[in-house]
Amino acid sequence: MKNIVILTGAGISAESGINTFRDSGGLWEGHDVTAVASPEGWRRNPQLVLDFYNMRRKDALKAQPNAGHAALVELSKHFPVHIITQNVDDLHERAGSKNVLHIHGKLFESRSTLNPRLVYPIEGWELKLGDTCTKGSQLRPNIVWFGEAVPLMDDAARLASKADIFIVIGTSLQVYPAAGLIDYAGPDTEIIVIDPNLPAVKKHPQLTLIAEKATTGVPRIVRELIEKYN
């Protein structure tokens, strides 16, 4: 049975109404993204950072999984499927996907500023100054910010290297190290890239490029894979 690994990016969530930094020119209410998504920004103005992620949580709670998310759940009924996502929202899980690796962190989790291993769920949308971990330190979003290491990259690379089929959905393949995961696919791996604005991809013996949105391209490729291999 084919082992399928999927890398998803902002494009799949955008179709559920979650804005991307690409769409906003890298700005949030006039602030450069590094002011709200970096360790330096946190040290300068933690309230601004908390406001930014509180708003993102509000937006995520209003959003619903779309046909792209649902198609990946259907795919998992026929094949072993692992999703590596650059997205911090929980739309994959809410759609019903089980094996989801969030390499850039989770929007609905906080972590201690003292000990990154102390992680807590966020109920609702708000994280405030004065919310502390069990050790008494301020909680911050459990997000990998610009300039920080991506601790789950080794796990993601192992998954990618074992893929019989590697599918890339809704990502520009410009953000590293996540963009480098496609390079772990072996020469016999089928690679499928789905995005209306197709990124530049290295030549590969089994490469399929689909210039469509996730809500149309993913259901189509899922039907084709089920028909082909079942």
Protein backbone atom coordinates (compact mmCIF):
# COMPACT_ATOMS: atom_id res chain seq x y z
CA MET A 1 0.00 0.00 0.00
CA LYS A 2 1.27 3.44 -0.94
CA ASN A 3 2.55 5.59 1.91
CA ILE A 4 1.39 9.17 1.30
CA VAL A 5 2.98 12.24 2.89
CA ILE A 6 1.41 15.66 2.38
CA LEU A 7 2.93 19.10 2.94
CA THR A 8 0.31 21.83 3.31
CA GLY A 9 0.78 25.58 3.43
CA ALA A 10 -1.22 28.76 3.80
CA GLY A 11 -3.10 28.26 0.53
CA ILE A 12 -5.30 25.47 1.87
CA SER A 13 -6.34 27.55 4.90
CA ALA A 14 -6.84 30.71 2.83
CA GLU A 15 -9.79 29.04 1.13
CA SER A 16 -11.42 28.75 4.55
CA GLY A 17 -11.07 32.50 5.03
CA ILE A 18 -7.83 32.62 7.01
CA ASN A 19 -5.68 35.45 5.67
CA THR A 20 -2.08 34.79 4.73
CA PHE A 21 0.93 37.04 5.19
CA ARG A 22 1.45 36.78 1.44
CA ASP A 23 -1.95 38.36 0.81
CA SER A 24 -1.34 41.21 3.26
CA GLY A 25 2.09 42.13 1.93
CA GLY A 26 3.70 40.85 5.12
CA LEU A 27 1.88 43.42 7.25
CA TRP A 28 -0.63 43.29 10.10
CA GLU A 29 -2.38 46.56 10.91
CA GLY A 30 0.64 48.43 9.56
CA HIS A 31 3.17 46.37 11.53
CA ASP A 32 5.82 44.33 9.78
CA VAL A 33 5.33 40.63 10.44
CA THR A 34 8.64 40.42 12.32
CA ALA A 35 7.22 42.82 14.92
CA VAL A 36 4.58 40.25 15.86
CA ALA A 37 6.27 36.95 15.01
CA SER A 38 9.83 37.08 16.27
CA PRO A 39 11.64 36.82 19.62
CA GLU A 40 12.75 40.46 19.17
CA GLY A 41 9.16 41.58 18.65
CA TRP A 42 8.09 39.69 21.77
CA ARG A 43 10.79 41.33 23.87
CA ARG A 44 9.91 44.79 22.50
CA ASN A 45 6.15 44.62 22.77
CA PRO A 46 4.61 41.41 24.13
CA GLN A 47 1.13 42.95 24.23
CA LEU A 48 1.25 43.63 20.49
CA VAL A 49 2.27 40.01 19.86
CA LEU A 50 -0.52 38.69 22.09
CA ASP A 51 -3.04 40.95 20.33
CA PHE A 52 -1.93 39.62 16.96
CA TYR A 53 -2.33 35.96 17.91
CA ASN A 54 -5.56 36.60 19.80
CA MET A 55 -7.00 38.03 16.58
CA ARG A 56 -5.70 35.07 14.59
CA ARG A 57 -7.42 32.73 17.03
CA LYS A 58 -10.68 34.62 16.64
CA ASP A 59 -10.41 34.30 12.87
CA ALA A 60 -9.54 30.59 13.09
CA LEU A 61 -12.53 29.86 15.32
CA LYS A 62 -14.84 31.36 12.69
CA ALA A 63 -13.25 29.39 9.84
CA GLN A 64 -14.43 25.96 8.74
CA PRO A 65 -12.50 23.16 7.02
CA ASN A 66 -12.98 23.20 3.25
CA ALA A 67 -13.20 20.60 0.50
CA GLY A 68 -9.41 20.31 0.40
CA HIS A 69 -9.23 19.36 4.07
CA ALA A 70 -12.14 16.94 3.67
CA ALA A 71 -10.55 15.24 0.67
CA LEU A 72 -7.41 14.47 2.69
CA VAL A 73 -9.58 12.76 5.31
CA GLU A 74 -11.12 10.62 2.55
CA LEU A 75 -7.63 9.78 1.29
CA SER A 76 -6.66 8.53 4.75
CA LYS A 77 -9.44 5.94 4.57
CA HIS A 78 -7.60 4.24 1.71
CA PHE A 79 -3.89 4.85 2.40
CA PRO A 80 -1.52 5.53 5.29
CA VAL A 81 -1.46 9.36 5.26
CA HIS A 82 0.75 11.75 7.22
CA ILE A 83 0.22 15.49 6.96
CA ILE A 84 3.09 17.89 7.57
CA THR A 85 1.62 21.37 7.82
CA GLN A 86 3.19 24.79 7.91
CA ASN A 87 -0.15 26.12 9.18
CA VAL A 88 -0.77 26.77 12.85
CA ASP A 89 -4.57 26.49 12.67
CA ASP A 90 -6.46 23.31 13.57
CA LEU A 91 -8.52 22.92 10.38
CA HIS A 92 -6.94 19.58 9.43
CA GLU A 93 -7.87 18.12 12.82
CA ARG A 94 -11.35 19.62 12.77
CA ALA A 95 -11.90 18.04 9.35
CA GLY A 96 -10.98 14.65 10.84
CA SER A 97 -7.31 14.11 9.94
CA LYS A 98 -5.38 12.21 12.60
CA ASN A 99 -1.67 12.18 11.71
CA VAL A 100 -0.86 15.90 11.55
CA LEU A 101 2.59 17.31 12.31
CA HIS A 102 2.56 21.09 12.92
CA ILE A 103 6.13 22.10 12.20
CA HIS A 104 5.50 25.79 12.91
CA GLY A 105 3.56 25.24 16.12
CA LYS A 106 -0.09 25.37 17.12
CA LEU A 107 -2.25 28.46 17.39
CA PHE A 108 -4.37 27.01 20.19
CA GLU A 109 -1.43 26.22 22.46
CA SER A 110 0.73 28.38 24.72
CA ARG A 111 4.09 27.61 26.20
CA SER A 112 6.26 28.82 29.01
CA THR A 113 8.85 31.49 28.25
CA LEU A 114 11.03 29.78 30.86
CA ASN A 115 10.74 26.16 29.70
CA PRO A 116 9.53 25.46 26.13
CA ARG A 117 8.54 21.93 27.16
CA LEU A 118 5.76 23.34 29.34
CA VAL A 119 2.89 23.53 26.84
CA TYR A 120 -0.76 24.26 27.60
CA PRO A 121 -3.98 24.30 25.55
CA ILE A 122 -5.68 27.65 25.01
CA GLU A 123 -9.42 27.51 25.58
CA GLY A 124 -11.19 30.08 23.43
CA TRP A 125 -9.21 32.84 21.75
CA GLU A 126 -7.43 34.93 24.38
CA LEU A 127 -3.95 34.73 25.89
CA LYS A 128 -3.16 37.66 28.20
CA LEU A 129 -0.23 39.31 29.92
CA GLY A 130 -0.18 37.80 33.39
CA ASP A 131 -1.10 34.30 32.20
CA THR A 132 1.72 32.16 33.56
CA CYS A 133 3.01 28.60 33.47
CA THR A 134 3.27 26.38 36.54
CA LYS A 135 6.75 27.84 37.15
CA GLY A 136 5.38 31.38 37.18
CA SER A 137 6.73 32.64 33.85
CA GLN A 138 4.64 34.47 31.24
CA LEU A 139 3.01 32.26 28.62
CA ARG A 140 3.67 32.96 24.94
CA PRO A 141 2.11 31.47 21.81
CA ASN A 142 3.46 28.00 21.05
CA ILE A 143 4.52 29.15 17.60
CA VAL A 144 7.89 28.89 15.87
CA TRP A 145 8.79 32.50 15.18
CA PHE A 146 11.11 33.95 12.57
CA GLY A 147 14.67 33.38 13.69
CA GLU A 148 13.82 30.36 15.86
CA ALA A 149 14.78 26.74 15.22
CA VAL A 150 12.12 24.37 13.88
CA PRO A 151 12.32 21.50 16.39
CA LEU A 152 10.09 19.09 14.45
CA MET A 153 12.03 19.32 11.18
CA ASP A 154 13.89 16.05 11.76
CA ASP A 155 10.57 14.25 12.25
CA ALA A 156 9.19 15.88 9.12
CA ALA A 157 12.27 14.93 7.09
CA ARG A 158 11.98 11.29 8.18
CA LEU A 159 8.35 11.21 7.08
CA ALA A 160 9.17 12.81 3.72
CA SER A 161 12.00 10.36 3.05
CA LYS A 162 9.63 7.39 3.45
CA ALA A 163 6.92 8.69 1.12
CA ASP A 164 5.84 6.70 -1.91
CA ILE A 165 3.71 9.70 -2.88
CA PHE A 166 4.58 13.24 -1.72
CA ILE A 167 1.88 15.87 -2.23
CA VAL A 168 2.49 19.60 -1.81
CA ILE A 169 -0.63 21.76 -1.37
CA GLY A 170 -0.97 25.52 -1.13
CA THR A 171 2.60 26.54 -0.42
CA SER A 172 5.02 28.77 -2.31
CA LEU A 173 7.97 26.56 -1.27
CA GLN A 174 9.78 29.75 -0.27
CA VAL A 175 9.88 29.35 3.52
CA TYR A 176 12.82 27.27 4.72
CA PRO A 177 13.52 24.82 6.15
CA ALA A 178 10.01 23.50 5.36
CA ALA A 179 10.47 24.16 1.63
CA GLY A 180 13.41 21.75 1.61
CA LEU A 181 11.24 18.78 2.58
CA ILE A 182 10.45 18.08 -1.06
CA ASP A 183 14.14 17.29 -1.57
CA TYR A 184 13.86 14.29 0.76
CA ALA A 185 11.61 12.51 -1.72
CA GLY A 186 13.44 9.69 -3.47
CA PRO A 187 13.74 9.24 -7.25
CA ASP A 188 10.91 6.67 -7.23
CA THR A 189 8.56 8.91 -5.22
CA GLU A 190 5.61 10.42 -7.03
CA ILE A 191 5.53 14.17 -6.40
CA ILE A 192 2.31 16.12 -6.89
CA VAL A 193 2.21 19.91 -6.45
CA ILE A 194 -1.16 21.67 -6.21
CA ASP A 195 -1.36 25.47 -6.17
CA PRO A 196 -2.96 28.08 -8.46
CA ASN A 197 0.41 29.86 -8.54
CA LEU A 198 2.74 26.92 -9.05
CA PRO A 199 6.10 27.31 -7.29
CA ALA A 200 9.38 26.55 -8.99
CA VAL A 201 10.12 22.86 -8.45
CA LYS A 202 13.24 20.94 -9.38
CA LYS A 203 12.91 18.41 -12.17
CA HIS A 204 11.91 14.97 -10.94
CA PRO A 205 11.20 11.70 -12.78
CA GLN A 206 7.63 11.53 -11.45
CA LEU A 207 6.42 15.10 -11.09
CA THR A 208 2.82 16.28 -11.58
CA LEU A 209 1.96 19.98 -11.43
CA ILE A 210 -1.67 21.01 -10.88
CA ALA A 211 -2.40 24.74 -11.19
CA GLU A 212 -5.60 24.71 -9.14
CA LYS A 213 -6.85 25.79 -5.75
CA ALA A 214 -6.91 23.20 -2.99
CA THR A 215 -10.71 22.97 -2.99
CA THR A 216 -10.74 21.68 -6.58
CA GLY A 217 -7.29 20.21 -7.14
CA VAL A 218 -7.11 18.11 -3.97
CA PRO A 219 -10.48 16.32 -4.37
CA ARG A 220 -9.60 15.54 -7.99
CA ILE A 221 -6.18 14.07 -7.22
CA VAL A 222 -7.62 12.11 -4.28
CA ARG A 223 -10.20 10.50 -6.57
CA GLU A 224 -7.48 9.67 -9.10
CA LEU A 225 -5.19 8.09 -6.50
CA ILE A 226 -7.99 5.99 -5.03
CA GLU A 227 -9.00 4.76 -8.50
CA LYS A 228 -5.40 4.08 -9.50
CA TYR A 229 -4.16 2.19 -6.46
CA ASN A 230 -7.27 0.57 -4.94
